[in-house]
């Protein structure tokens, strides 16, 4: 019964909006905000009652205000060099997308690679995020052909 309801809601959402457009717009906005270390802009991409799971083994964060507080801490890094997202897989109001970023933490460069699972509300804001990631010391380039970039992609790095 629950799967029938979920499938019905997903189908309804798909008819009302262009899910791929919503997801791609959200990813572009998130990328720009991450590069600028703008926690307020990131939090604004979530519904007021959103659930944010920053790591599989950490407690979930509930509410846009809590997401802002978490993001302020997560973005307390020296510099974000590059943020890349792969091509999202979109199914109705849900999406999955890989990411790869390099940044300078307090004194050393690090690479963060992961995948986020997203669920969107009718308003195009994210209602639920599950993040699966790994952090490695050093500035490591993404593997060849990882998340191919389209020519003219917007603001993907802070490199000169």
N, C-alpha and C. Protein backbone atom coordinates (compact mmCIF):
# COMPACT_ATOMS: atom_id res chain seq x y z
N UNK A 1 0.82 -1.20 0.00
CA UNK A 1 0.00 0.00 0.00
C UNK A 1 0.86 1.26 0.00
N UNK A 2 1.91 1.29 0.87
CA UNK A 2 2.78 2.46 0.95
C UNK A 2 3.48 2.72 -0.38
N UNK A 3 3.94 1.65 -1.06
CA UNK A 3 4.60 1.82 -2.35
C UNK A 3 3.65 2.39 -3.38
N UNK A 4 2.37 1.99 -3.33
CA UNK A 4 1.37 2.53 -4.25
C UNK A 4 1.20 4.03 -4.04
N UNK A 5 1.13 4.43 -2.78
CA UNK A 5 0.98 5.86 -2.45
C UNK A 5 2.22 6.62 -2.89
N UNK A 6 3.39 6.09 -2.58
CA UNK A 6 4.64 6.74 -2.96
C UNK A 6 4.74 6.88 -4.47
N UNK A 7 4.41 5.82 -5.19
CA UNK A 7 4.46 5.85 -6.66
C UNK A 7 3.48 6.88 -7.19
N UNK A 8 2.30 6.97 -6.60
CA UNK A 8 1.29 7.93 -7.02
C UNK A 8 1.77 9.36 -6.81
N UNK A 9 2.36 9.62 -5.64
CA UNK A 9 2.88 10.96 -5.35
C UNK A 9 4.01 11.32 -6.29
N UNK A 10 4.89 10.36 -6.55
CA UNK A 10 6.01 10.60 -7.45
C UNK A 10 5.50 10.94 -8.85
N UNK A 11 4.51 10.18 -9.31
CA UNK A 11 3.94 10.43 -10.62
C UNK A 11 3.27 11.80 -10.66
N UNK A 12 2.55 12.16 -9.61
CA UNK A 12 1.88 13.46 -9.53
C UNK A 12 2.91 14.59 -9.58
N UNK A 13 4.01 14.47 -8.82
CA UNK A 13 5.05 15.49 -8.78
C UNK A 13 5.67 15.64 -10.16
N UNK A 14 5.92 14.50 -10.83
CA UNK A 14 6.54 14.51 -12.16
C UNK A 14 5.68 15.25 -13.18
N UNK A 15 4.36 15.13 -13.05
CA UNK A 15 3.46 15.80 -13.98
C UNK A 15 3.41 17.30 -13.73
N UNK A 16 3.59 17.70 -12.48
CA UNK A 16 3.45 19.11 -12.11
C UNK A 16 4.69 19.93 -12.44
N UNK A 17 5.85 19.32 -12.36
CA UNK A 17 7.09 20.06 -12.57
C UNK A 17 8.03 19.22 -13.43
N UNK A 18 9.07 19.84 -13.90
CA UNK A 18 10.11 19.12 -14.62
C UNK A 18 11.18 18.75 -13.59
N UNK A 19 11.15 17.51 -13.08
CA UNK A 19 12.06 17.12 -12.00
C UNK A 19 13.54 17.32 -12.34
N UNK A 20 13.93 16.99 -13.55
CA UNK A 20 15.35 17.12 -13.93
C UNK A 20 15.77 18.60 -13.88
N UNK A 21 14.91 19.48 -14.33
CA UNK A 21 15.20 20.92 -14.29
C UNK A 21 15.34 21.39 -12.85
N UNK A 22 14.42 20.97 -11.97
CA UNK A 22 14.46 21.34 -10.56
C UNK A 22 15.76 20.85 -9.92
N UNK A 23 16.11 19.60 -10.16
CA UNK A 23 17.31 19.01 -9.56
C UNK A 23 18.56 19.73 -10.07
N UNK A 24 18.66 19.95 -11.36
CA UNK A 24 19.84 20.63 -11.91
C UNK A 24 19.98 22.05 -11.39
N UNK A 25 18.85 22.75 -11.26
CA UNK A 25 18.88 24.11 -10.71
C UNK A 25 19.36 24.08 -9.26
N UNK A 26 18.86 23.11 -8.49
CA UNK A 26 19.24 22.97 -7.09
C UNK A 26 20.75 22.69 -6.98
N UNK A 27 21.26 21.79 -7.81
CA UNK A 27 22.69 21.44 -7.78
C UNK A 27 23.54 22.66 -8.13
N UNK A 28 23.14 23.42 -9.15
CA UNK A 28 23.90 24.64 -9.51
C UNK A 28 23.93 25.62 -8.35
N UNK A 29 22.78 25.82 -7.71
CA UNK A 29 22.71 26.76 -6.59
C UNK A 29 23.56 26.27 -5.41
N UNK A 30 23.49 24.99 -5.13
CA UNK A 30 24.27 24.41 -4.03
C UNK A 30 25.77 24.55 -4.32
N UNK A 31 26.17 24.28 -5.57
CA UNK A 31 27.57 24.40 -5.97
C UNK A 31 28.08 25.82 -5.78
N UNK A 32 27.33 26.79 -6.27
CA UNK A 32 27.74 28.20 -6.15
C UNK A 32 27.88 28.59 -4.68
N UNK A 33 26.91 28.17 -3.86
CA UNK A 33 26.95 28.51 -2.43
C UNK A 33 28.12 27.83 -1.73
N UNK A 34 28.41 26.59 -2.08
CA UNK A 34 29.54 25.86 -1.47
C UNK A 34 30.86 26.55 -1.81
N UNK A 35 31.00 26.94 -3.08
CA UNK A 35 32.23 27.63 -3.50
C UNK A 35 32.42 28.95 -2.75
N UNK A 36 31.32 29.64 -2.47
CA UNK A 36 31.38 30.92 -1.76
C UNK A 36 31.38 30.74 -0.24
N UNK A 37 31.25 29.48 0.21
CA UNK A 37 31.14 29.17 1.64
C UNK A 37 29.96 29.93 2.26
N UNK A 38 28.85 29.94 1.52
CA UNK A 38 27.66 30.69 1.92
C UNK A 38 26.63 29.74 2.54
N UNK A 39 26.73 29.55 3.85
CA UNK A 39 25.85 28.62 4.56
C UNK A 39 24.38 29.04 4.48
N UNK A 40 24.11 30.35 4.51
CA UNK A 40 22.73 30.82 4.42
C UNK A 40 22.10 30.45 3.08
N UNK A 41 22.87 30.57 2.01
CA UNK A 41 22.35 30.22 0.69
C UNK A 41 22.09 28.71 0.60
N UNK A 42 22.94 27.91 1.22
CA UNK A 42 22.72 26.46 1.23
C UNK A 42 21.46 26.14 2.02
N UNK A 43 21.33 26.68 3.21
CA UNK A 43 20.15 26.40 4.05
C UNK A 43 18.86 26.81 3.34
N UNK A 44 18.91 27.88 2.55
CA UNK A 44 17.72 28.36 1.84
C UNK A 44 17.24 27.38 0.77
N UNK A 45 18.05 26.39 0.43
CA UNK A 45 17.67 25.39 -0.57
C UNK A 45 16.84 24.25 0.02
N UNK A 46 16.57 24.33 1.33
CA UNK A 46 15.84 23.29 2.04
C UNK A 46 14.51 23.81 2.57
N UNK A 47 13.54 22.91 2.72
CA UNK A 47 12.26 23.27 3.32
C UNK A 47 12.49 23.54 4.81
N UNK A 48 11.54 24.23 5.42
CA UNK A 48 11.65 24.55 6.86
C UNK A 48 11.75 23.29 7.72
N UNK A 49 11.08 22.22 7.29
CA UNK A 49 11.05 20.98 8.08
C UNK A 49 11.96 19.89 7.50
N UNK A 50 12.95 20.28 6.73
CA UNK A 50 13.82 19.31 6.06
C UNK A 50 14.58 18.43 7.04
N UNK A 51 14.95 17.26 6.55
CA UNK A 51 15.79 16.32 7.28
C UNK A 51 17.11 16.23 6.52
N UNK A 52 18.23 16.41 7.24
CA UNK A 52 19.55 16.44 6.63
C UNK A 52 20.42 15.41 7.34
N UNK A 53 20.76 14.35 6.63
CA UNK A 53 21.64 13.32 7.17
C UNK A 53 23.02 13.55 6.58
N UNK A 54 23.92 14.15 7.35
CA UNK A 54 25.23 14.54 6.84
C UNK A 54 26.20 13.38 6.70
N UNK A 55 25.89 12.25 7.32
CA UNK A 55 26.77 11.08 7.27
C UNK A 55 25.96 9.89 7.79
N UNK A 56 26.18 8.69 7.25
CA UNK A 56 25.36 7.55 7.67
C UNK A 56 25.44 7.23 9.16
N UNK A 57 26.52 7.58 9.82
CA UNK A 57 26.70 7.22 11.22
C UNK A 57 26.54 8.39 12.19
N UNK A 58 25.99 9.48 11.70
CA UNK A 58 25.72 10.65 12.55
C UNK A 58 24.22 10.85 12.67
N UNK A 59 23.78 11.48 13.76
CA UNK A 59 22.35 11.76 13.88
C UNK A 59 21.90 12.75 12.80
N UNK A 60 20.66 12.62 12.38
CA UNK A 60 20.10 13.53 11.38
C UNK A 60 19.87 14.91 11.99
N UNK A 61 19.94 15.90 11.12
CA UNK A 61 19.64 17.29 11.48
C UNK A 61 18.23 17.58 10.98
N UNK A 62 17.41 18.22 11.82
CA UNK A 62 16.03 18.51 11.46
C UNK A 62 15.80 20.01 11.47
N UNK A 63 15.25 20.55 10.42
CA UNK A 63 14.85 21.94 10.25
C UNK A 63 15.92 22.74 9.50
N UNK A 64 15.44 23.74 8.78
CA UNK A 64 16.34 24.63 8.03
C UNK A 64 17.34 25.32 8.96
N UNK A 65 16.89 25.75 10.14
CA UNK A 65 17.77 26.41 11.10
C UNK A 65 18.90 25.48 11.53
N UNK A 66 18.60 24.22 11.80
CA UNK A 66 19.63 23.26 12.19
C UNK A 66 20.58 22.97 11.03
N UNK A 67 20.04 22.96 9.81
CA UNK A 67 20.89 22.77 8.63
C UNK A 67 21.85 23.94 8.49
N UNK A 68 21.37 25.15 8.74
CA UNK A 68 22.24 26.32 8.71
C UNK A 68 23.36 26.18 9.74
N UNK A 69 23.02 25.81 10.95
CA UNK A 69 24.03 25.65 12.01
C UNK A 69 25.06 24.59 11.62
N UNK A 70 24.60 23.45 11.10
CA UNK A 70 25.52 22.40 10.68
C UNK A 70 26.43 22.91 9.55
N UNK A 71 25.85 23.57 8.58
CA UNK A 71 26.59 24.03 7.40
C UNK A 71 27.62 25.09 7.78
N UNK A 72 27.30 25.96 8.73
CA UNK A 72 28.29 26.95 9.19
C UNK A 72 29.55 26.25 9.69
N UNK A 73 29.39 25.17 10.43
CA UNK A 73 30.53 24.40 10.92
C UNK A 73 31.24 23.66 9.81
N UNK A 74 30.48 23.05 8.90
CA UNK A 74 31.07 22.26 7.81
C UNK A 74 31.86 23.13 6.85
N UNK A 75 31.45 24.39 6.70
CA UNK A 75 32.15 25.29 5.78
C UNK A 75 33.24 26.11 6.45
N UNK A 76 33.57 25.76 7.69
CA UNK A 76 34.65 26.45 8.39
C UNK A 76 35.99 25.88 7.91
N UNK A 77 36.27 26.15 6.64
CA UNK A 77 37.51 25.69 6.00
C UNK A 77 38.24 26.91 5.45
N UNK A 78 39.52 26.74 5.17
CA UNK A 78 40.30 27.85 4.65
C UNK A 78 39.84 28.33 3.29
N UNK A 79 39.69 27.39 2.35
CA UNK A 79 39.28 27.74 1.00
C UNK A 79 38.68 26.53 0.32
N UNK A 80 37.68 26.76 -0.50
CA UNK A 80 37.12 25.70 -1.34
C UNK A 80 37.70 25.94 -2.73
N UNK A 81 38.46 24.96 -3.23
CA UNK A 81 39.09 25.12 -4.54
C UNK A 81 38.15 24.76 -5.69
N UNK A 82 37.49 23.62 -5.54
CA UNK A 82 36.66 23.12 -6.64
C UNK A 82 35.52 22.28 -6.10
N UNK A 83 34.36 22.40 -6.73
CA UNK A 83 33.19 21.57 -6.42
C UNK A 83 32.67 21.04 -7.75
N UNK A 84 32.57 19.73 -7.85
CA UNK A 84 32.04 19.11 -9.07
C UNK A 84 30.92 18.14 -8.71
N UNK A 85 29.87 18.17 -9.47
CA UNK A 85 28.79 17.20 -9.35
C UNK A 85 28.71 16.43 -10.65
N UNK A 86 28.41 15.15 -10.55
CA UNK A 86 28.19 14.34 -11.74
C UNK A 86 26.79 14.57 -12.27
N UNK A 87 26.39 13.75 -13.20
CA UNK A 87 25.05 13.84 -13.76
C UNK A 87 24.08 13.15 -12.81
N UNK A 88 23.05 13.86 -12.35
CA UNK A 88 22.12 13.25 -11.39
C UNK A 88 21.24 12.17 -12.04
N UNK A 89 20.87 11.22 -11.22
CA UNK A 89 19.87 10.22 -11.59
C UNK A 89 18.58 10.70 -10.94
N UNK A 90 17.57 10.95 -11.73
CA UNK A 90 16.32 11.55 -11.24
C UNK A 90 15.16 10.59 -11.47
N UNK A 91 14.39 10.39 -10.43
CA UNK A 91 13.18 9.56 -10.50
C UNK A 91 12.09 10.28 -9.72
N UNK A 92 11.18 10.93 -10.43
CA UNK A 92 10.12 11.68 -9.77
C UNK A 92 10.71 12.77 -8.90
N UNK A 93 10.35 12.79 -7.62
CA UNK A 93 10.82 13.84 -6.70
C UNK A 93 12.12 13.44 -5.99
N UNK A 94 12.74 12.36 -6.43
CA UNK A 94 13.99 11.88 -5.80
C UNK A 94 15.14 11.95 -6.80
N UNK A 95 16.34 12.16 -6.26
CA UNK A 95 17.53 12.21 -7.12
C UNK A 95 18.73 11.70 -6.34
N UNK A 96 19.70 11.22 -7.08
CA UNK A 96 21.00 10.83 -6.52
C UNK A 96 22.06 11.45 -7.41
N UNK A 97 23.10 12.00 -6.77
CA UNK A 97 24.16 12.62 -7.56
C UNK A 97 25.48 12.54 -6.79
N UNK A 98 26.53 12.18 -7.52
CA UNK A 98 27.88 12.13 -6.94
C UNK A 98 28.49 13.53 -6.93
N UNK A 99 29.42 13.74 -6.02
CA UNK A 99 30.17 15.00 -6.01
C UNK A 99 31.62 14.73 -5.67
N UNK A 100 32.47 15.70 -6.01
CA UNK A 100 33.91 15.63 -5.77
C UNK A 100 34.36 17.05 -5.51
N UNK A 101 35.00 17.29 -4.39
CA UNK A 101 35.46 18.65 -4.10
C UNK A 101 36.85 18.62 -3.46
N UNK A 102 37.58 19.67 -3.70
CA UNK A 102 38.88 19.85 -3.04
C UNK A 102 38.84 21.18 -2.30
N UNK A 103 39.45 21.16 -1.11
CA UNK A 103 39.45 22.38 -0.30
C UNK A 103 40.63 22.34 0.67
N UNK A 104 40.88 23.46 1.26
CA UNK A 104 41.91 23.56 2.29
C UNK A 104 41.20 23.63 3.63
N UNK A 105 41.47 22.61 4.46
CA UNK A 105 40.95 22.69 5.82
C UNK A 105 41.91 23.59 6.59
N UNK A 106 41.97 23.49 7.87
CA UNK A 106 42.79 24.41 8.67
C UNK A 106 44.20 24.58 8.12
N UNK A 107 44.94 23.47 7.94
CA UNK A 107 46.33 23.59 7.50
C UNK A 107 46.68 22.70 6.31
N UNK A 108 45.76 21.83 5.88
CA UNK A 108 46.10 20.93 4.79
C UNK A 108 44.98 20.84 3.77
N UNK A 109 45.37 20.48 2.56
CA UNK A 109 44.39 20.25 1.51
C UNK A 109 43.72 18.90 1.72
N UNK A 110 42.44 18.84 1.38
CA UNK A 110 41.69 17.60 1.49
C UNK A 110 40.80 17.45 0.26
N UNK A 111 40.43 16.22 -0.01
CA UNK A 111 39.48 15.90 -1.08
C UNK A 111 38.30 15.19 -0.45
N UNK A 112 37.12 15.64 -0.81
CA UNK A 112 35.87 15.07 -0.31
C UNK A 112 35.11 14.53 -1.52
N UNK A 113 34.81 13.23 -1.49
CA UNK A 113 34.05 12.62 -2.58
C UNK A 113 32.86 11.89 -1.97
N UNK A 114 31.72 11.98 -2.63
CA UNK A 114 30.55 11.32 -2.07
C UNK A 114 29.37 11.32 -3.02
N UNK A 115 28.24 10.96 -2.45
CA UNK A 115 26.99 10.90 -3.19
C UNK A 115 25.87 11.36 -2.26
N UNK A 116 24.99 12.20 -2.77
CA UNK A 116 23.82 12.61 -1.99
C UNK A 116 22.56 12.04 -2.62
N UNK A 117 21.68 11.61 -1.74
CA UNK A 117 20.35 11.16 -2.12
C UNK A 117 19.40 12.27 -1.69
N UNK A 118 18.60 12.77 -2.59
CA UNK A 118 17.75 13.94 -2.34
C UNK A 118 16.28 13.61 -2.57
N UNK A 119 15.42 14.24 -1.79
CA UNK A 119 13.97 14.18 -2.03
C UNK A 119 13.45 15.60 -1.97
N UNK A 120 12.70 15.99 -2.99
CA UNK A 120 12.24 17.37 -3.13
C UNK A 120 10.76 17.52 -2.84
N UNK A 121 10.40 18.71 -2.35
CA UNK A 121 9.01 19.07 -2.17
C UNK A 121 8.48 19.69 -3.45
N UNK A 122 7.20 19.95 -3.48
CA UNK A 122 6.57 20.53 -4.67
C UNK A 122 7.11 21.91 -4.99
N UNK A 123 7.67 22.58 -4.00
CA UNK A 123 8.20 23.93 -4.19
C UNK A 123 9.62 23.93 -4.75
N UNK A 124 10.19 22.74 -5.02
CA UNK A 124 11.54 22.66 -5.58
C UNK A 124 12.63 22.71 -4.53
N UNK A 125 12.26 22.82 -3.26
CA UNK A 125 13.24 22.80 -2.18
C UNK A 125 13.45 21.36 -1.73
N UNK A 126 14.61 21.10 -1.17
CA UNK A 126 14.93 19.75 -0.72
C UNK A 126 14.26 19.48 0.63
N UNK A 127 13.54 18.36 0.72
CA UNK A 127 12.87 17.95 1.96
C UNK A 127 13.74 16.98 2.75
N UNK A 128 14.62 16.26 2.05
CA UNK A 128 15.42 15.25 2.72
C UNK A 128 16.71 15.01 1.95
N UNK A 129 17.82 14.98 2.67
CA UNK A 129 19.12 14.73 2.08
C UNK A 129 19.84 13.67 2.91
N UNK A 130 20.40 12.69 2.21
CA UNK A 130 21.26 11.68 2.83
C UNK A 130 22.61 11.77 2.12
N UNK A 131 23.66 12.01 2.86
CA UNK A 131 24.99 12.20 2.29
C UNK A 131 25.88 11.02 2.68
N UNK A 132 26.56 10.46 1.68
CA UNK A 132 27.52 9.38 1.89
C UNK A 132 28.84 9.87 1.31
N UNK A 133 29.87 9.99 2.16
CA UNK A 133 31.11 10.60 1.69
C UNK A 133 32.33 9.98 2.35
N UNK A 134 33.49 10.29 1.73
CA UNK A 134 34.79 9.91 2.29
C UNK A 134 35.71 11.11 2.13
N UNK A 135 36.55 11.32 3.13
CA UNK A 135 37.50 12.44 3.13
C UNK A 135 38.91 11.89 3.06
N UNK A 136 39.71 12.45 2.17
CA UNK A 136 41.09 11.99 1.99
C UNK A 136 42.02 13.19 2.07
N UNK A 137 43.12 13.05 2.77
CA UNK A 137 44.12 14.11 2.84
C UNK A 137 44.74 14.31 1.46
N UNK A 138 44.96 15.57 1.08
CA UNK A 138 45.59 15.90 -0.20
C UNK A 138 44.58 16.40 -1.21
N UNK A 139 45.10 17.09 -2.20
CA UNK A 139 44.28 17.61 -3.30
C UNK A 139 44.34 16.57 -4.42
N UNK A 140 43.32 15.72 -4.49
CA UNK A 140 43.30 14.60 -5.43
C UNK A 140 42.34 14.93 -6.58
N UNK A 141 42.83 14.78 -7.79
CA UNK A 141 41.99 15.04 -8.96
C UNK A 141 40.98 13.91 -9.13
N UNK A 142 39.81 14.25 -9.62
CA UNK A 142 38.79 13.24 -9.91
C UNK A 142 39.32 12.31 -11.01
N UNK A 143 38.92 11.05 -10.98
CA UNK A 143 39.35 10.13 -12.03
C UNK A 143 38.94 10.62 -13.41
N UNK A 144 39.67 10.22 -14.41
CA UNK A 144 39.38 10.58 -15.79
C UNK A 144 37.94 10.19 -16.12
N UNK A 145 37.22 11.05 -16.77
CA UNK A 145 35.82 10.84 -17.17
C UNK A 145 34.86 10.78 -16.00
N UNK A 146 35.29 11.21 -14.82
CA UNK A 146 34.36 11.27 -13.70
C UNK A 146 33.46 12.48 -13.88
N UNK A 147 32.17 12.30 -13.79
CA UNK A 147 31.23 13.41 -13.85
C UNK A 147 31.53 14.38 -14.96
N UNK A 148 31.48 13.91 -16.22
CA UNK A 148 31.84 14.79 -17.34
C UNK A 148 31.17 16.15 -17.24
N UNK A 149 31.94 17.18 -17.50
CA UNK A 149 31.43 18.54 -17.45
C UNK A 149 30.97 18.97 -18.83
N UNK A 150 29.88 19.69 -18.86
CA UNK A 150 29.42 20.26 -20.12
C UNK A 150 30.23 21.51 -20.40
N UNK A 151 30.50 21.75 -21.65
CA UNK A 151 31.20 22.96 -22.04
C UNK A 151 30.42 24.17 -21.54
N UNK A 152 31.12 25.08 -20.88
CA UNK A 152 30.47 26.30 -20.38
C UNK A 152 29.72 26.11 -19.07
N UNK A 153 30.03 25.03 -18.31
CA UNK A 153 29.36 24.81 -17.02
C UNK A 153 29.62 26.00 -16.10
N UNK A 154 28.62 26.39 -15.30
CA UNK A 154 28.77 27.56 -14.43
C UNK A 154 29.67 27.29 -13.23
N UNK A 155 30.44 28.28 -12.84
CA UNK A 155 31.22 28.31 -11.59
C UNK A 155 31.52 26.96 -10.96
N UNK A 156 32.49 26.29 -11.51
CA UNK A 156 32.85 24.99 -10.96
C UNK A 156 34.12 25.04 -10.14
N UNK A 157 34.83 26.17 -10.17
CA UNK A 157 36.05 26.22 -9.36
C UNK A 157 36.36 27.65 -8.96
N UNK A 158 37.22 27.75 -7.97
CA UNK A 158 37.71 29.04 -7.52
C UNK A 158 39.14 29.26 -8.01
N UNK A 159 39.57 28.47 -8.97
CA UNK A 159 40.92 28.62 -9.48
C UNK A 159 41.02 29.87 -10.34
N UNK A 160 42.17 30.56 -10.30
CA UNK A 160 42.33 31.77 -11.11
C UNK A 160 42.29 31.49 -12.58
